[in-house]
Amino acid sequence: MTHLGGGVVVLASFILDLVARAPRRPLPGESIVGSDFGMFAGGKGNNQAIAAARSGADVRVIGRLGEDMFAAPFVAALAREGIDARSVARDAEAGTGLAFPLIEPDGQNSIVVLPRANLALRPEHVRTAAAAFDGAAVLLAQLEVPVETAAAAAEMARDRGMRVLLNPAPAPADGLPGHLLRLVDVLLPNEREAETLSGVAVRDAAGAERAARALIAAGCRQVVVTLGRAGAVWVAGQDQPAIWLPPFAVEQVDATGAGDAFCGVLAAGLAAGMNERVALRRASAAGALAVTRMGAEPSMPVAAAIDALLSRQAAGEWDRPG
């Protein structure tokens, strides 16, 4: 693949998804019969790295795997996608991360996550991987690794003039530390994460705008709140109008990984020097495509699929949230 623009460093988490489909969530103490099963190499950081690579970015990952049978799918996937994994260490004590998503017929999901080796990724491991930042334009981080590790990576990126994108998932119940927020150029929460971090109820686009402005007041520069089937709301600064990014019309099969596709493709677009609106529209298309297939890694779209969806569906109106 021909890489576009500057590189993307992904502070990666690696979690093997053991996915079950069922007619509904079981009640406490109840067992129900499922209809399907799949095993996929996931983890938000891993998914985001693959999405960025398939979108054309030169991607380098920093992360940690166990020395167990669950690590092999990740090693194979990173090699297959052409992702630089030289800064992925193997942990002899902590196992590879695991997750157990349950998918309902309407595509909605609930997930139990065991981070394991991901929580053993420390700031000193990031500093040891300094070479991964060489020539990169964007850092993309998430919070399936320790918050202090994400902060260390953000500090290194800012020192090198890189743009810092943070997907605050899972959102800490006690919020994000101010020193980390002040390092973030674009914060990328979904509606629940935005509500948790801001304390502002997010029930619609107007609520998303209020939450975004609260988070900007707390220190970050821009916020994009993803709203699933309702699109997304982008606030590019406290004195800037909020912009609604309309959704694409697709048939939802599995919502797992949609946010990761959005984040990875946005990072790739910004690293390539795209206009923010163009990069956000591509990210929205990628997120829409991701819900049309089961599993996270298989649903990360390639650039040609994103371009095809963009050509089929007009951009629509970019409006103030109502």
Protein backbone atom coordinates (compact mmCIF):
# COMPACT_ATOMS: atom_id res chain seq x y z
CA MET A 1 0.00 0.00 0.00
CA THR A 2 1.16 3.54 -0.73
CA HIS A 3 1.18 5.46 2.53
CA LEU A 4 -0.32 8.93 2.64
CA GLY A 5 1.21 11.89 4.51
CA GLY A 6 2.75 11.64 7.96
CA GLY A 7 2.69 8.60 10.15
CA VAL A 8 0.18 7.67 12.85
CA VAL A 9 1.35 6.33 16.21
CA VAL A 10 -1.33 4.28 17.95
CA LEU A 11 -1.08 3.59 21.66
CA ALA A 12 -2.59 0.18 21.19
CA SER A 13 -4.64 -2.18 23.28
CA PHE A 14 -4.94 -5.80 22.18
CA ILE A 15 -8.07 -7.70 23.20
CA LEU A 16 -9.24 -10.93 21.59
CA ASP A 17 -13.02 -10.71 21.10
CA LEU A 18 -14.96 -13.90 21.75
CA VAL A 19 -18.28 -12.82 20.20
CA ALA A 20 -21.65 -14.47 20.82
CA ARG A 21 -24.95 -13.65 19.13
CA ALA A 22 -28.09 -14.14 21.20
CA PRO A 23 -31.77 -13.15 20.99
CA ARG A 24 -31.34 -10.90 24.05
CA ARG A 25 -29.24 -10.34 27.14
CA PRO A 26 -29.81 -13.08 29.75
CA LEU A 27 -31.45 -12.12 33.02
CA PRO A 28 -29.50 -12.64 36.26
CA GLY A 29 -29.12 -16.36 36.86
CA GLU A 30 -30.53 -17.24 33.42
CA SER A 31 -28.90 -19.22 30.60
CA ILE A 32 -30.09 -18.72 27.03
CA VAL A 33 -29.14 -20.40 23.76
CA GLY A 34 -27.13 -18.26 21.35
CA SER A 35 -27.20 -18.39 17.57
CA ASP A 36 -23.62 -17.72 16.44
CA PHE A 37 -20.01 -17.35 17.60
CA GLY A 38 -16.90 -15.66 16.24
CA MET A 39 -13.35 -15.02 17.46
CA PHE A 40 -11.73 -11.77 16.33
CA ALA A 41 -8.55 -9.84 17.06
CA GLY A 42 -9.85 -6.68 18.69
CA GLY A 43 -9.09 -4.10 21.32
CA LYS A 44 -9.76 -0.44 20.63
CA GLY A 45 -6.14 0.41 19.88
CA ASN A 46 -5.69 -2.60 17.62
CA ASN A 47 -8.90 -1.82 15.72
CA GLN A 48 -7.98 1.83 15.35
CA ALA A 49 -4.51 0.96 14.06
CA ILE A 50 -5.99 -1.37 11.44
CA ALA A 51 -8.57 1.23 10.41
CA ALA A 52 -5.84 3.85 9.98
CA ALA A 53 -3.63 1.47 8.01
CA ARG A 54 -6.45 0.41 5.68
CA SER A 55 -7.20 4.07 5.11
CA GLY A 56 -3.65 4.57 3.82
CA ALA A 57 -1.66 5.72 6.85
CA ASP A 58 1.84 4.62 7.85
CA VAL A 59 0.97 3.15 11.26
CA ARG A 60 3.22 2.26 14.19
CA VAL A 61 1.81 0.65 17.32
CA ILE A 62 3.01 0.66 20.91
CA GLY A 63 1.49 -2.03 23.13
CA ARG A 64 1.80 -5.25 25.06
CA LEU A 65 0.73 -8.86 24.42
CA GLY A 66 0.91 -11.96 26.60
CA GLU A 67 3.05 -14.97 25.81
CA ASP A 68 0.05 -17.20 25.21
CA MET A 69 -2.10 -18.71 22.46
CA PHE A 70 -4.27 -15.58 22.32
CA ALA A 71 -1.39 -13.39 21.06
CA ALA A 72 -0.96 -15.18 17.71
CA PRO A 73 -3.95 -13.58 15.93
CA PHE A 74 -2.59 -10.12 16.68
CA VAL A 75 0.91 -10.88 15.47
CA ALA A 76 -0.54 -12.22 12.23
CA ALA A 77 -3.00 -9.33 11.78
CA LEU A 78 -0.40 -6.60 12.31
CA ALA A 79 1.94 -8.23 9.80
CA ARG A 80 -0.87 -8.71 7.29
CA GLU A 81 -1.89 -5.04 7.54
CA GLY A 82 1.68 -3.75 7.15
CA ILE A 83 1.67 -2.14 10.60
CA ASP A 84 5.01 -1.51 12.32
CA ALA A 85 4.81 -3.61 15.49
CA ARG A 86 8.42 -3.34 16.66
CA SER A 87 7.23 -1.53 19.80
CA VAL A 88 4.82 -4.31 20.80
CA ALA A 89 6.34 -6.18 23.75
CA ARG A 90 5.50 -9.66 25.06
CA ASP A 91 4.60 -10.02 28.73
CA ALA A 92 5.52 -13.33 30.34
CA GLU A 93 3.32 -12.71 33.39
CA ALA A 94 0.13 -11.02 32.17
CA GLY A 95 -1.96 -12.74 29.52
CA THR A 96 -3.26 -11.24 26.29
CA GLY A 97 -6.42 -9.18 26.75
CA LEU A 98 -9.81 -10.86 26.25
CA ALA A 99 -13.38 -9.62 25.75
CA PHE A 100 -16.78 -11.26 25.57
CA PRO A 101 -19.22 -9.20 23.44
CA LEU A 102 -22.87 -10.25 23.31
CA ILE A 103 -24.62 -9.13 20.11
CA GLU A 104 -28.40 -8.76 19.99
CA PRO A 105 -30.52 -9.03 16.79
CA ASP A 106 -30.67 -5.23 16.33
CA GLY A 107 -26.86 -5.06 16.32
CA GLN A 108 -26.47 -3.51 19.76
CA ASN A 109 -23.81 -5.01 21.98
CA SER A 110 -22.72 -5.34 25.61
CA ILE A 111 -19.17 -6.38 26.46
CA VAL A 112 -17.18 -7.82 29.38
CA VAL A 113 -13.50 -6.87 29.02
CA LEU A 114 -10.40 -8.36 30.70
CA PRO A 115 -7.51 -5.99 29.78
CA ARG A 116 -4.71 -8.13 31.32
CA ALA A 117 -1.37 -7.29 29.59
CA ASN A 118 -2.77 -3.97 28.37
CA LEU A 119 -2.77 -2.69 31.96
CA ALA A 120 0.91 -3.59 32.27
CA LEU A 121 1.86 -1.03 29.59
CA ARG A 122 3.68 1.64 31.58
CA PRO A 123 5.03 5.12 30.76
CA GLU A 124 8.58 3.80 30.70
CA HIS A 125 7.61 1.35 27.93
CA VAL A 126 6.33 4.26 25.84
CA ARG A 127 9.53 6.23 26.42
CA THR A 128 11.57 3.21 25.35
CA ALA A 129 9.58 3.20 22.10
CA ALA A 130 10.53 6.78 21.22
CA ALA A 131 11.67 5.76 17.71
CA ALA A 132 8.06 4.97 16.81
CA PHE A 133 7.31 8.72 16.93
CA ASP A 134 9.92 9.62 14.30
CA GLY A 135 8.29 11.26 11.27
CA ALA A 136 4.77 10.82 12.67
CA ALA A 137 2.10 13.52 12.53
CA VAL A 138 -0.63 12.14 14.80
CA LEU A 139 -0.86 10.18 18.04
CA LEU A 140 -4.08 8.23 18.56
CA ALA A 141 -4.61 6.92 22.10
CA GLN A 142 -7.42 5.29 24.06
CA LEU A 143 -7.90 4.22 27.68
CA GLU A 144 -7.74 0.43 27.58
CA VAL A 145 -4.22 1.12 28.86
CA PRO A 146 -3.42 3.07 32.06
CA VAL A 147 -4.26 6.79 32.00
CA GLU A 148 -0.72 7.70 33.02
CA THR A 149 0.61 5.76 30.03
CA ALA A 150 -1.68 7.66 27.68
CA ALA A 151 -0.48 10.90 29.26
CA ALA A 152 3.17 9.93 28.74
CA ALA A 153 2.52 9.19 25.07
CA ALA A 154 0.65 12.49 24.67
CA GLU A 155 3.55 14.40 26.21
CA MET A 156 6.01 12.77 23.83
CA ALA A 157 3.78 13.54 20.85
CA ARG A 158 3.26 17.19 21.79
CA ASP A 159 7.02 17.63 22.34
CA ARG A 160 7.46 16.52 18.72
CA GLY A 161 4.77 18.83 17.32
CA MET A 162 2.32 16.00 16.64
CA ARG A 163 -1.46 16.27 16.90
CA VAL A 164 -2.92 14.28 19.81
CA LEU A 165 -6.24 12.43 19.43
CA LEU A 166 -7.72 10.69 22.47
CA ASN A 167 -10.63 8.26 22.45
CA PRO A 168 -11.50 8.29 26.19
CA ALA A 169 -12.84 4.75 26.30
CA PRO A 170 -13.53 3.36 28.74
CA ALA A 171 -14.23 6.69 30.41
CA PRO A 172 -12.87 6.90 33.99
CA ALA A 173 -15.71 7.42 36.46
CA ASP A 174 -13.67 10.13 38.22
CA GLY A 175 -12.94 11.97 34.96
CA LEU A 176 -9.73 12.69 33.09
CA PRO A 177 -6.82 14.43 34.80
CA GLY A 178 -6.40 18.03 33.74
CA HIS A 179 -2.82 17.56 32.62
CA LEU A 180 -3.92 14.93 30.11
CA LEU A 181 -6.86 16.95 28.80
CA ARG A 182 -4.58 19.92 28.19
CA LEU A 183 -2.42 17.74 25.92
CA VAL A 184 -5.37 16.65 23.75
CA ASP A 185 -6.06 18.34 20.43
CA VAL A 186 -9.18 16.30 19.58
CA LEU A 187 -11.17 14.36 22.18
CA LEU A 188 -13.33 11.60 20.67
CA PRO A 189 -15.95 10.33 23.16
CA ASN A 190 -19.25 8.66 22.37
CA GLU A 191 -22.38 10.00 24.06
CA ARG A 192 -22.00 7.92 27.23
CA GLU A 193 -18.32 8.79 27.61
CA ALA A 194 -19.05 12.49 27.01
CA GLU A 195 -21.71 12.39 29.73
CA THR A 196 -19.46 10.55 32.19
CA LEU A 197 -16.53 12.92 31.66
CA SER A 198 -18.46 16.20 31.57
CA GLY A 199 -21.32 15.53 33.98
CA VAL A 200 -23.68 16.90 31.31
CA ALA A 201 -26.61 14.72 30.21
CA VAL A 202 -26.30 13.70 26.55
CA ARG A 203 -29.67 12.70 25.11
CA ASP A 204 -29.43 14.44 21.76
CA ALA A 205 -27.17 16.64 19.63
CA ALA A 206 -27.81 19.70 21.78
CA GLY A 207 -26.73 17.78 24.88
CA ALA A 208 -23.64 16.59 23.03
CA GLU A 209 -22.77 20.21 22.26
CA ARG A 210 -23.10 21.22 25.91
CA ALA A 211 -20.94 18.29 27.02
CA ALA A 212 -18.33 19.11 24.38
CA ARG A 213 -18.11 22.72 25.52
CA ALA A 214 -17.69 21.60 29.12
CA LEU A 215 -14.80 19.35 28.09
CA ILE A 216 -13.17 22.14 26.09
CA ALA A 217 -13.49 24.40 29.13
CA ALA A 218 -11.71 21.66 31.11
CA GLY A 219 -8.69 21.85 28.82
CA CYS A 220 -8.86 20.01 25.48
CA ARG A 221 -8.96 21.94 22.19
CA GLN A 222 -11.67 20.21 20.14
CA VAL A 223 -14.31 17.56 20.81
CA VAL A 224 -16.19 15.22 18.49
CA VAL A 225 -19.04 13.38 20.22
CA THR A 226 -20.14 10.34 18.23
CA LEU A 227 -23.86 9.55 18.52
CA GLY A 228 -24.17 6.24 16.66
CA ARG A 229 -27.16 6.27 14.33
CA ALA A 230 -27.67 9.99 15.06
CA GLY A 231 -24.33 11.03 13.53
CA ALA A 232 -21.84 13.13 15.49
CA VAL A 233 -21.35 16.62 16.89
CA TRP A 234 -18.08 18.50 16.39
CA VAL A 235 -17.06 21.55 18.41
CA ALA A 236 -13.77 22.98 17.15
CA GLY A 237 -13.29 25.43 20.02
CA GLN A 238 -15.19 27.26 22.74
CA ASP A 239 -15.84 30.21 20.43
CA GLN A 240 -16.72 28.04 17.43
CA PRO A 241 -20.24 26.95 16.39
CA ALA A 242 -21.12 23.30 16.91
CA ILE A 243 -21.40 21.28 13.71
CA TRP A 244 -23.63 18.24 13.27
CA LEU A 245 -22.16 15.48 11.10
CA PRO A 246 -25.14 13.66 9.54
CA PRO A 247 -25.15 9.85 9.57
CA PHE A 248 -24.99 7.54 6.57
CA ALA A 249 -27.88 5.21 5.77
CA VAL A 250 -26.64 1.64 6.20
CA GLU A 251 -28.04 -1.63 7.51
CA GLN A 252 -26.64 -2.31 10.96
CA VAL A 253 -25.42 -5.83 11.74
CA ASP A 254 -22.95 -5.31 14.61
CA ALA A 255 -22.06 -1.97 16.20
CA THR A 256 -18.78 -3.34 17.61
CA GLY A 257 -15.84 -1.34 16.27
CA ALA A 258 -17.78 1.54 14.70
CA GLY A 259 -16.17 4.11 16.98
CA ASP A 260 -12.75 2.58 16.37
CA ALA A 261 -13.19 2.87 12.60
CA PHE A 262 -14.16 6.51 13.05
CA CYS A 263 -11.11 7.28 15.20
CA GLY A 264 -8.59 5.41 13.04
CA VAL A 265 -9.75 6.91 9.76
CA LEU A 266 -9.88 10.40 11.27
CA ALA A 267 -6.29 10.01 12.49
CA ALA A 268 -5.21 8.83 9.04
CA GLY A 269 -6.95 11.74 7.33
CA LEU A 270 -5.45 14.36 9.61
CA ALA A 271 -1.99 12.80 9.30
CA ALA A 272 -2.37 13.01 5.52
CA GLY A 273 -3.06 16.74 5.81
CA MET A 274 -6.77 16.60 4.97
CA ASN A 275 -9.09 19.47 5.80
CA GLU A 276 -10.80 18.69 9.11
CA ARG A 277 -14.27 18.54 7.56
CA VAL A 278 -13.09 16.17 4.86
CA ALA A 279 -11.33 13.96 7.40
CA LEU A 280 -14.40 13.92 9.65
CA ARG A 281 -16.74 13.01 6.80
CA ARG A 282 -14.46 10.13 5.83
CA ALA A 283 -14.37 9.04 9.46
CA SER A 284 -18.17 9.10 9.60
CA ALA A 285 -18.37 6.95 6.47
CA ALA A 286 -15.90 4.49 7.96
CA GLY A 287 -17.91 4.23 11.16
CA ALA A 288 -21.06 3.57 9.15
CA LEU A 289 -19.40 0.84 7.11
CA ALA A 290 -18.09 -0.83 10.25
CA VAL A 291 -21.60 -1.63 11.53
CA THR A 292 -22.48 -3.58 8.38
CA ARG A 293 -20.24 -6.55 9.25
CA MET A 294 -19.84 -8.75 12.31
CA GLY A 295 -16.69 -8.46 14.39
CA ALA A 296 -14.37 -5.53 14.93
CA GLU A 297 -11.24 -6.25 12.87
CA PRO A 298 -13.12 -7.63 9.83
CA SER A 299 -15.37 -4.55 9.79
CA MET A 300 -12.58 -1.95 9.55
CA PRO A 301 -13.12 -0.64 5.98
CA VAL A 302 -10.53 -0.11 3.27
CA ALA A 303 -10.13 3.27 1.59
CA ALA A 304 -11.90 2.17 -1.59
CA ALA A 305 -15.03 1.18 0.36
CA ILE A 306 -15.05 4.54 2.15
CA ASP A 307 -14.72 6.37 -1.16
CA ALA A 308 -17.56 4.32 -2.64
CA LEU A 309 -19.92 5.14 0.23
CA LEU A 310 -19.02 8.82 0.04
CA SER A 311 -19.81 8.83 -3.68
CA ARG A 312 -23.17 7.08 -3.13
CA GLN A 313 -24.46 9.31 -0.35
CA ALA A 314 -24.30 13.08 -0.51
CA ALA A 315 -22.71 14.90 2.39
CA GLY A 316 -26.03 16.44 3.49
CA GLU A 317 -26.30 19.52 5.64
CA TRP A 318 -23.79 20.54 8.27
CA ASP A 319 -25.96 22.32 10.81
CA ARG A 320 -25.99 23.61 14.33
CA PRO A 321 -27.40 20.92 16.64
CA GLY A 322 -31.04 21.46 17.47
